[in-house]
PDB file of N, CA and C in Angstrom:
ATOM      1  N   MET A   1       0.834  -1.107  -0.406  1.00  0.00           N
ATOM      2  CA  MET A   1      -0.487   0.263  -0.740  1.00  0.00           C
ATOM      3  C   MET A   1       1.267   1.235  -0.447  1.00  0.00           C
ATOM      4  N   ALA A   2       0.439   2.001  -0.356  1.00  0.00           N
ATOM      5  CA  ALA A   2       1.415   3.383  -1.170  1.00  0.00           C
ATOM      6  C   ALA A   2       1.149   4.346   0.490  1.00  0.00           C
ATOM      7  N   ARG A   3       2.326   4.776   0.463  1.00  0.00           N
ATOM      8  CA  ARG A   3       2.168   5.715   1.947  1.00  0.00           C
ATOM      9  C   ARG A   3       2.480   7.279   0.547  1.00  0.00           C
ATOM     10  N   TYR A   4       1.818   7.729   1.023  1.00  0.00           N
ATOM     11  CA  TYR A   4       1.441   9.357   0.903  1.00  0.00           C
ATOM     12  C   TYR A   4       2.622  10.606   2.495  1.00  0.00           C
ATOM     13  N   SER A   5       2.572  11.694   1.721  1.00  0.00           N
ATOM     14  CA  SER A   5       3.227  12.698   2.244  1.00  0.00           C
ATOM     15  C   SER A   5       2.491  13.539   2.504  1.00  0.00           C
ATOM     16  N   VAL A   6       2.488  14.265   3.696  1.00  0.00           N
ATOM     17  CA  VAL A   6       1.611  15.672   3.838  1.00  0.00           C
ATOM     18  C   VAL A   6       2.100  16.689   4.311  1.00  0.00           C
ATOM     19  N   LEU A   7       2.052  17.172   3.471  1.00  0.00           N
ATOM     20  CA  LEU A   7       2.633  18.539   3.663  1.00  0.00           C
ATOM     21  C   LEU A   7       1.211  19.541   3.828  1.00  0.00           C
ATOM     22  N   ILE A   8       2.151  20.494   4.803  1.00  0.00           N
ATOM     23  CA  ILE A   8       0.756  21.661   5.359  1.00  0.00           C
ATOM     24  C   ILE A   8       1.181  23.090   4.793  1.00  0.00           C
ATOM     25  N   GLY A   9       0.762  23.462   3.926  1.00  0.00           N
ATOM     26  CA  GLY A   9       1.161  24.625   3.729  1.00  0.00           C
ATOM     27  C   GLY A   9       1.376  25.950   4.825  1.00  0.00           C
ATOM     28  N   ASP A  10       1.758  27.158   4.412  1.00  0.00           N
ATOM     29  CA  ASP A  10       2.448  28.006   5.494  1.00  0.00           C
ATOM     30  C   ASP A  10       1.050  28.729   6.307  1.00  0.00           C
ATOM     31  N   GLU A  11       0.092  29.564   5.485  1.00  0.00           N
ATOM     32  CA  GLU A  11      -1.084  30.078   6.493  1.00  0.00           C
ATOM     33  C   GLU A  11      -1.914  28.515   7.030  1.00  0.00           C
ATOM     34  N   ALA A  12      -1.279  27.818   6.526  1.00  0.00           N
ATOM     35  CA  ALA A  12      -2.429  26.703   7.428  1.00  0.00           C
ATOM     36  C   ALA A  12      -1.727  26.084   8.973  1.00  0.00           C
ATOM     37  N   LYS A  13      -0.246  26.419   8.336  1.00  0.00           N
ATOM     38  CA  LYS A  13       0.642  25.931   9.862  1.00  0.00           C
ATOM     39  C   LYS A  13       0.193  27.156  10.609  1.00  0.00           C
ATOM     40  N   ASP A  14      -0.590  28.148  10.474  1.00  0.00           N
ATOM     41  CA  ASP A  14      -0.796  28.773  11.688  1.00  0.00           C
ATOM     42  C   ASP A  14      -1.503  29.491  12.120  1.00  0.00           C
ATOM     43  N   GLU A  15      -2.610  28.951  11.403  1.00  0.00           N
ATOM     44  CA  GLU A  15      -3.776  28.287  11.664  1.00  0.00           C
ATOM     45  C   GLU A  15      -4.383  26.895  12.329  1.00  0.00           C
ATOM     46  N   PHE A  16      -3.211  26.567  12.151  1.00  0.00           N
ATOM     47  CA  PHE A  16      -3.253  25.105  13.021  1.00  0.00           C
ATOM     48  C   PHE A  16      -2.525  25.176  14.432  1.00  0.00           C
ATOM     49  N   LEU A  17      -1.500  26.292  14.791  1.00  0.00           N
ATOM     50  CA  LEU A  17      -1.415  26.200  15.863  1.00  0.00           C
ATOM     51  C   LEU A  17      -2.725  26.629  16.918  1.00  0.00           C
ATOM     52  N   THR A  18      -3.973  27.762  16.583  1.00  0.00           N
ATOM     53  CA  THR A  18      -5.032  28.844  16.897  1.00  0.00           C
ATOM     54  C   THR A  18      -5.436  27.061  17.261  1.00  0.00           C
ATOM     55  N   ILE A  19      -5.588  26.535  16.836  1.00  0.00           N
ATOM     56  CA  ILE A  19      -6.331  24.954  17.584  1.00  0.00           C
ATOM     57  C   ILE A  19      -6.364  24.358  18.595  1.00  0.00           C
ATOM     58  N   PRO A  20      -7.274  25.378  19.920  1.00  0.00           N
ATOM     59  CA  PRO A  20      -7.238  24.552  21.228  1.00  0.00           C
ATOM     60  C   PRO A  20      -6.767  22.976  21.238  1.00  0.00           C
ATOM     61  N   PHE A  21      -5.761  22.374  22.301  1.00  0.00           N
ATOM     62  CA  PHE A  21      -4.936  21.716  22.535  1.00  0.00           C
ATOM     63  C   PHE A  21      -5.869  20.154  22.367  1.00  0.00           C
ATOM     64  N   PRO A  22      -7.190  20.046  23.060  1.00  0.00           N
ATOM     65  CA  PRO A  22      -7.503  18.428  22.905  1.00  0.00           C
ATOM     66  C   PRO A  22      -8.346  18.396  21.480  1.00  0.00           C
ATOM     67  N   PHE A  23      -8.487  19.402  20.819  1.00  0.00           N
ATOM     68  CA  PHE A  23      -8.910  19.492  19.866  1.00  0.00           C
ATOM     69  C   PHE A  23      -7.827  19.194  18.347  1.00  0.00           C
ATOM     70  N   ARG A  24      -6.953  19.607  18.557  1.00  0.00           N
ATOM     71  CA  ARG A  24      -5.851  19.314  18.026  1.00  0.00           C
ATOM     72  C   ARG A  24      -4.911  18.352  17.721  1.00  0.00           C
ATOM     73  N   ARG A  25      -5.311  17.227  19.343  1.00  0.00           N
ATOM     74  CA  ARG A  25      -4.977  16.523  19.161  1.00  0.00           C
ATOM     75  C   ARG A  25      -5.638  15.452  18.218  1.00  0.00           C
ATOM     76  N   GLN A  26      -7.236  15.759  18.447  1.00  0.00           N
ATOM     77  CA  GLN A  26      -7.759  14.315  17.077  1.00  0.00           C
ATOM     78  C   GLN A  26      -7.651  14.745  15.992  1.00  0.00           C
ATOM     79  N   VAL A  27      -7.333  16.128  15.983  1.00  0.00           N
ATOM     80  CA  VAL A  27      -6.874  16.885  14.007  1.00  0.00           C
ATOM     81  C   VAL A  27      -6.099  15.886  13.819  1.00  0.00           C
ATOM     82  N   ASN A  28      -4.397  15.968  15.020  1.00  0.00           N
ATOM     83  CA  ASN A  28      -3.741  15.760  14.120  1.00  0.00           C
ATOM     84  C   ASN A  28      -3.842  13.556  13.665  1.00  0.00           C
ATOM     85  N   GLN A  29      -4.051  13.545  14.961  1.00  0.00           N
ATOM     86  CA  GLN A  29      -4.901  12.114  14.466  1.00  0.00           C
ATOM     87  C   GLN A  29      -5.473  11.599  12.973  1.00  0.00           C
ATOM     88  N   ARG A  30      -5.594  12.330  12.931  1.00  0.00           N
ATOM     89  CA  ARG A  30      -7.140  12.362  11.775  1.00  0.00           C
ATOM     90  C   ARG A  30      -5.471  12.442  10.359  1.00  0.00           C
ATOM     91  N   ILE A  31      -4.761  13.419  10.535  1.00  0.00           N
ATOM     92  CA  ILE A  31      -4.142  13.678   9.295  1.00  0.00           C
ATOM     93  C   ILE A  31      -3.314  12.466   9.761  1.00  0.00           C
ATOM     94  N   ASN A  32      -2.577  12.096  10.184  1.00  0.00           N
ATOM     95  CA  ASN A  32      -1.971  11.038  10.478  1.00  0.00           C
ATOM     96  C   ASN A  32      -2.733   9.812   9.602  1.00  0.00           C
ATOM     97  N   LYS A  33      -3.644   9.679   9.479  1.00  0.00           N
ATOM     98  CA  LYS A  33      -5.072   8.640   8.766  1.00  0.00           C
ATOM     99  C   LYS A  33      -4.335   8.725   7.507  1.00  0.00           C
ATOM    100  N   MET A  34      -4.633  10.662   7.037  1.00  0.00           N
ATOM    101  CA  MET A  34      -4.242  10.298   5.900  1.00  0.00           C
ATOM    102  C   MET A  34      -2.984  10.053   4.962  1.00  0.00           C
ATOM    103  N   LYS A  35      -2.394  10.034   5.554  1.00  0.00           N
ATOM    104  CA  LYS A  35      -1.116   9.532   5.156  1.00  0.00           C
ATOM    105  C   LYS A  35      -1.216   7.934   4.313  1.00  0.00           C
ATOM    106  N   LEU A  36      -2.216   6.957   4.891  1.00  0.00           N
ATOM    107  CA  LEU A  36      -1.818   6.016   4.615  1.00  0.00           C
ATOM    108  C   LEU A  36      -3.362   5.806   3.664  1.00  0.00           C
ATOM    109  N   ASP A  37      -4.675   6.335   3.857  1.00  0.00           N
ATOM    110  CA  ASP A  37      -5.703   6.562   3.367  1.00  0.00           C
ATOM    111  C   ASP A  37      -6.219   7.795   2.730  1.00  0.00           C
ATOM    112  N   PRO A  38      -5.178   9.032   1.765  1.00  0.00           N
ATOM    113  CA  PRO A  38      -5.738  10.796   1.484  1.00  0.00           C
ATOM    114  C   PRO A  38      -7.698  11.244   1.650  1.00  0.00           C
ATOM    115  N   ARG A  39      -8.443   9.257   0.912  1.00  0.00           N
ATOM    116  CA  ARG A  39      -9.149  10.417   0.714  1.00  0.00           C
ATOM    117  C   ARG A  39     -10.796   8.900   1.611  1.00  0.00           C
ATOM    118  N   LEU A  40     -10.654   9.488   2.963  1.00  0.00           N
ATOM    119  CA  LEU A  40     -11.457   8.789   4.321  1.00  0.00           C
ATOM    120  C   LEU A  40     -12.551   8.525   3.832  1.00  0.00           C
ATOM    121  N   ALA A  41     -13.495   7.841   4.864  1.00  0.00           N
ATOM    122  CA  ALA A  41     -14.690   7.421   4.495  1.00  0.00           C
ATOM    123  C   ALA A  41     -15.169   8.826   4.515  1.00  0.00           C
ATOM    124  N   ASP A  42     -15.374   9.679   5.614  1.00  0.00           N
ATOM    125  CA  ASP A  42     -15.849  10.595   5.965  1.00  0.00           C
ATOM    126  C   ASP A  42     -15.265  12.216   5.419  1.00  0.00           C
ATOM    127  N   SER A  43     -14.837  12.418   4.538  1.00  0.00           N
ATOM    128  CA  SER A  43     -13.791  12.858   3.727  1.00  0.00           C
ATOM    129  C   SER A  43     -15.583  13.616   2.632  1.00  0.00           C
ATOM    130  N   GLU A  44     -14.902  14.986   1.911  1.00  0.00           N
ATOM    131  CA  GLU A  44     -15.964  15.102   1.256  1.00  0.00           C
ATOM    132  C   GLU A  44     -15.432  15.833  -0.148  1.00  0.00           C
ATOM    133  N   ALA A  45     -15.391  15.192  -1.694  1.00  0.00           N
ATOM    134  CA  ALA A  45     -14.498  15.806  -2.482  1.00  0.00           C
ATOM    135  C   ALA A  45     -15.433  17.352  -2.733  1.00  0.00           C
ATOM    136  N   ILE A  46     -15.178  18.641  -3.269  1.00  0.00           N
ATOM    137  CA  ILE A  46     -15.297  19.828  -2.962  1.00  0.00           C
ATOM    138  C   ILE A  46     -15.904  19.904  -4.490  1.00  0.00           C
ATOM    139  N   ALA A  47     -17.266  20.011  -4.760  1.00  0.00           N
ATOM    140  CA  ALA A  47     -17.061  20.109  -6.090  1.00  0.00           C
ATOM    141  C   ALA A  47     -16.786  21.245  -6.779  1.00  0.00           C
ATOM    142  N   GLY A  48     -16.550  21.086  -8.953  1.00  0.00           N
ATOM    143  CA  GLY A  48     -15.951  22.401  -8.595  1.00  0.00           C
ATOM    144  C   GLY A  48     -14.795  21.944  -8.510  1.00  0.00           C
ATOM    145  N   SER A  49     -13.609  21.800  -7.532  1.00  0.00           N
ATOM    146  CA  SER A  49     -12.277  21.579  -7.535  1.00  0.00           C
ATOM    147  C   SER A  49     -11.526  20.130  -6.849  1.00  0.00           C
ATOM    148  N   ASP A  50      -9.911  20.823  -7.346  1.00  0.00           N
ATOM    149  CA  ASP A  50     -10.024  19.652  -6.945  1.00  0.00           C
ATOM    150  C   ASP A  50      -9.325  19.509  -5.051  1.00  0.00           C
ATOM    151  N   ARG A  51     -10.016  20.122  -4.032  1.00  0.00           N
ATOM    152  CA  ARG A  51      -9.652  19.477  -3.334  1.00  0.00           C
ATOM    153  C   ARG A  51     -10.711  18.771  -2.216  1.00  0.00           C
ATOM    154  N   PHE A  52     -10.460  18.898  -1.126  1.00  0.00           N
ATOM    155  CA  PHE A  52     -11.299  17.656  -0.085  1.00  0.00           C
ATOM    156  C   PHE A  52     -11.431  18.400   0.909  1.00  0.00           C
ATOM    157  N   ARG A  53     -12.377  17.971   1.658  1.00  0.00           N
ATOM    158  CA  ARG A  53     -12.961  18.653   2.724  1.00  0.00           C
ATOM    159  C   ARG A  53     -12.772  17.043   4.341  1.00  0.00           C
ATOM    160  N   LEU A  54     -12.678  17.409   5.065  1.00  0.00           N
ATOM    161  CA  LEU A  54     -13.316  16.489   6.394  1.00  0.00           C
ATOM    162  C   LEU A  54     -12.999  17.466   7.748  1.00  0.00           C
ATOM    163  N   ASP A  55     -13.716  16.388   7.767  1.00  0.00           N
ATOM    164  CA  ASP A  55     -14.522  18.168   9.760  1.00  0.00           C
ATOM    165  C   ASP A  55     -14.080  16.841  10.498  1.00  0.00           C
ATOM    166  N   VAL A  56     -13.348  16.744  11.753  1.00  0.00           N
ATOM    167  CA  VAL A  56     -13.491  16.685  12.128  1.00  0.00           C
ATOM    168  C   VAL A  56     -12.807  17.735  13.940  1.00  0.00           C
ATOM    169  N   ALA A  57     -13.817  17.173  14.915  1.00  0.00           N
ATOM    170  CA  ALA A  57     -14.133  17.892  16.381  1.00  0.00           C
ATOM    171  C   ALA A  57     -14.122  19.223  15.896  1.00  0.00           C
ATOM    172  N   GLY A  58     -15.017  19.548  15.414  1.00  0.00           N
ATOM    173  CA  GLY A  58     -15.432  20.950  15.117  1.00  0.00           C
ATOM    174  C   GLY A  58     -14.473  21.884  13.967  1.00  0.00           C
ATOM    175  N   TRP A  59     -13.431  20.447  13.655  1.00  0.00           N
ATOM    176  CA  TRP A  59     -12.436  21.951  12.467  1.00  0.00           C
ATOM    177  C   TRP A  59     -13.336  21.022  11.258  1.00  0.00           C
ATOM    178  N   ARG A  60     -12.843  22.178  10.313  1.00  0.00           N
ATOM    179  CA  ARG A  60     -12.803  21.377   8.609  1.00  0.00           C
ATOM    180  C   ARG A  60     -11.528  21.671   8.166  1.00  0.00           C
ATOM    181  N   ILE A  61     -10.486  20.591   7.632  1.00  0.00           N
ATOM    182  CA  ILE A  61      -9.130  20.119   7.098  1.00  0.00           C
ATOM    183  C   ILE A  61      -9.763  20.319   5.767  1.00  0.00           C
ATOM    184  N   LEU A  62      -8.928  21.867   4.783  1.00  0.00           N
ATOM    185  CA  LEU A  62      -9.390  21.675   3.255  1.00  0.00           C
ATOM    186  C   LEU A  62      -8.238  21.374   2.824  1.00  0.00           C
ATOM    187  N   TYR A  63      -8.128  19.705   2.253  1.00  0.00           N
ATOM    188  CA  TYR A  63      -7.171  19.271   1.613  1.00  0.00           C
ATOM    189  C   TYR A  63      -7.184  19.107  -0.333  1.00  0.00           C
ATOM    190  N   GLU A  64      -5.920  18.908  -0.900  1.00  0.00           N
ATOM    191  CA  GLU A  64      -5.320  18.461  -1.819  1.00  0.00           C
ATOM    192  C   GLU A  64      -4.605  17.006  -2.149  1.00  0.00           C
ATOM    193  N   VAL A  65      -5.169  16.214  -2.469  1.00  0.00           N
ATOM    194  CA  VAL A  65      -4.370  14.818  -2.983  1.00  0.00           C
ATOM    195  C   VAL A  65      -3.528  15.725  -4.436  1.00  0.00           C
ATOM    196  N   ASP A  66      -1.912  14.320  -4.906  1.00  0.00           N
ATOM    197  CA  ASP A  66      -1.560  14.878  -5.535  1.00  0.00           C
ATOM    198  C   ASP A  66      -1.737  13.012  -5.534  1.00  0.00           C
ATOM    199  N   ASP A  67      -1.849  12.369  -6.211  1.00  0.00           N
ATOM    200  CA  ASP A  67      -1.706  10.343  -6.197  1.00  0.00           C
ATOM    201  C   ASP A  67       0.185  10.413  -6.809  1.00  0.00           C
ATOM    202  N   VAL A  68       0.414  11.050  -7.785  1.00  0.00           N
ATOM    203  CA  VAL A  68       1.582  10.344  -9.145  1.00  0.00           C
ATOM    204  C   VAL A  68       2.741  11.217  -7.655  1.00  0.00           C
ATOM    205  N   ALA A  69       2.677  12.337  -6.893  1.00  0.00           N
ATOM    206  CA  ALA A  69       3.673  11.952  -6.318  1.00  0.00           C
ATOM    207  C   ALA A  69       3.139  11.666  -4.609  1.00  0.00           C
ATOM    208  N   LEU A  70       2.407  10.852  -4.911  1.00  0.00           N
ATOM    209  CA  LEU A  70       2.167  10.550  -3.360  1.00  0.00           C
ATOM    210  C   LEU A  70       1.797  11.351  -2.685  1.00  0.00           C
ATOM    211  N   GLU A  71       1.398  13.150  -2.222  1.00  0.00           N
ATOM    212  CA  GLU A  71       1.180  13.724  -1.584  1.00  0.00           C
ATOM    213  C   GLU A  71      -0.266  14.357  -1.390  1.00  0.00           C
ATOM    214  N   VAL A  72      -0.052  14.807   0.058  1.00  0.00           N
ATOM    215  CA  VAL A  72      -0.559  14.885   0.305  1.00  0.00           C
ATOM    216  C   VAL A  72      -1.095  16.696   1.046  1.00  0.00           C
ATOM    217  N   THR A  73      -2.108  17.452   0.664  1.00  0.00           N
ATOM    218  CA  THR A  73      -1.226  18.979   0.900  1.00  0.00           C
ATOM    219  C   THR A  73      -2.080  19.575   1.500  1.00  0.00           C
ATOM    220  N   ILE A  74      -1.961  20.388   2.419  1.00  0.00           N
ATOM    221  CA  ILE A  74      -3.459  20.887   3.605  1.00  0.00           C
ATOM    222  C   ILE A  74      -3.574  22.347   3.554  1.00  0.00           C
ATOM    223  N   VAL A  75      -4.485  22.753   2.596  1.00  0.00           N
ATOM    224  CA  VAL A  75      -4.702  24.192   2.663  1.00  0.00           C
ATOM    225  C   VAL A  75      -4.654  24.657   3.572  1.00  0.00           C
ATOM    226  N   ALA A  76      -5.634  24.807   4.433  1.00  0.00           N
ATOM    227  CA  ALA A  76      -6.052  25.526   5.186  1.00  0.00           C
ATOM    228  C   ALA A  76      -6.518  24.390   6.620  1.00  0.00           C
ATOM    229  N   PHE A  77      -7.418  25.411   7.528  1.00  0.00           N
ATOM    230  CA  PHE A  77      -7.614  24.475   8.863  1.00  0.00           C
ATOM    231  C   PHE A  77      -8.793  25.216   9.101  1.00  0.00           C
ATOM    232  N   ARG A  78     -10.534  25.259   8.941  1.00  0.00           N
ATOM    233  CA  ARG A  78     -11.416  27.301   9.404  1.00  0.00           C
ATOM    234  C   ARG A  78     -12.383  25.974  11.140  1.00  0.00           C
ATOM    235  N   LYS A  79     -12.531  26.607  11.681  1.00  0.00           N
ATOM    236  CA  LYS A  79     -13.464  26.407  12.796  1.00  0.00           C
ATOM    237  C   LYS A  79     -14.898  26.241  12.502  1.00  0.00           C
ATOM    238  N   VAL A  80     -15.885  25.142  11.543  1.00  0.00           N
ATOM    239  CA  VAL A  80     -16.624  24.760  11.937  1.00  0.00           C
ATOM    240  C   VAL A  80     -17.946  25.181  12.950  1.00  0.00           C
ATOM    241  N   ASP A  81     -19.183  26.216  12.468  1.00  0.00           N
ATOM    242  CA  ASP A  81     -20.119  26.087  13.385  1.00  0.00           C
ATOM    243  C   ASP A  81     -21.336  24.821  13.664  1.00  0.00           C
ATOM    244  N   PRO A  82     -21.504  24.707  14.009  1.00  0.00           N
ATOM    245  CA  PRO A  82     -22.190  23.397  14.986  1.00  0.00           C
ATOM    246  C   PRO A  82     -23.682  23.832  14.183  1.00  0.00           C
ATOM    247  N   PRO A  83     -24.437  22.933  13.618  1.00  0.00           N
ATOM    248  CA  PRO A  83     -25.420  23.012  13.109  1.00  0.00           C
ATOM    249  C   PRO A  83     -26.846  23.958  13.636  1.00  0.00           C
ATOM    250  N   ARG A  84     -27.414  24.245  13.258  1.00  0.00           N
ATOM    251  CA  ARG A  84     -28.367  25.126  13.566  1.00  0.00           C
ATOM    252  C   ARG A  84     -29.854  24.377  13.721  1.00  0.00           C
ATOM    253  N   VAL A  85     -29.889  24.393  14.979  1.00  0.00           N
ATOM    254  CA  VAL A  85     -31.016  23.762  15.550  1.00  0.00           C
ATOM    255  C   VAL A  85     -33.113  23.991  14.970  1.00  0.00           C
ATOM    256  N   GLN A  86     -33.518  24.267  14.237  1.00  0.00           N
ATOM    257  CA  GLN A  86     -34.972  25.017  13.412  1.00  0.00           C
ATOM    258  C   GLN A  86     -35.939  24.346  14.517  1.00  0.00           C
TER     259      GLN A  86
END
């Protein structure tokens, strides 16, 4: 099985450090799982783009996959607001 390298863009590095510790650990664990399978079952391809998103512990990871170079590039981390109850 191929193993992917995970790269984190400069802006994303700064955003990662803003994630509070217990959530950062969960996010980091999911990033490590991307090394074996960048298209995890709960990730979603973003329509009209070559990017994917993965929601973890109230944070969204936006990333790109390069299957030729076996690289996953994380481009952003964003806080996800909880869904509103109507």
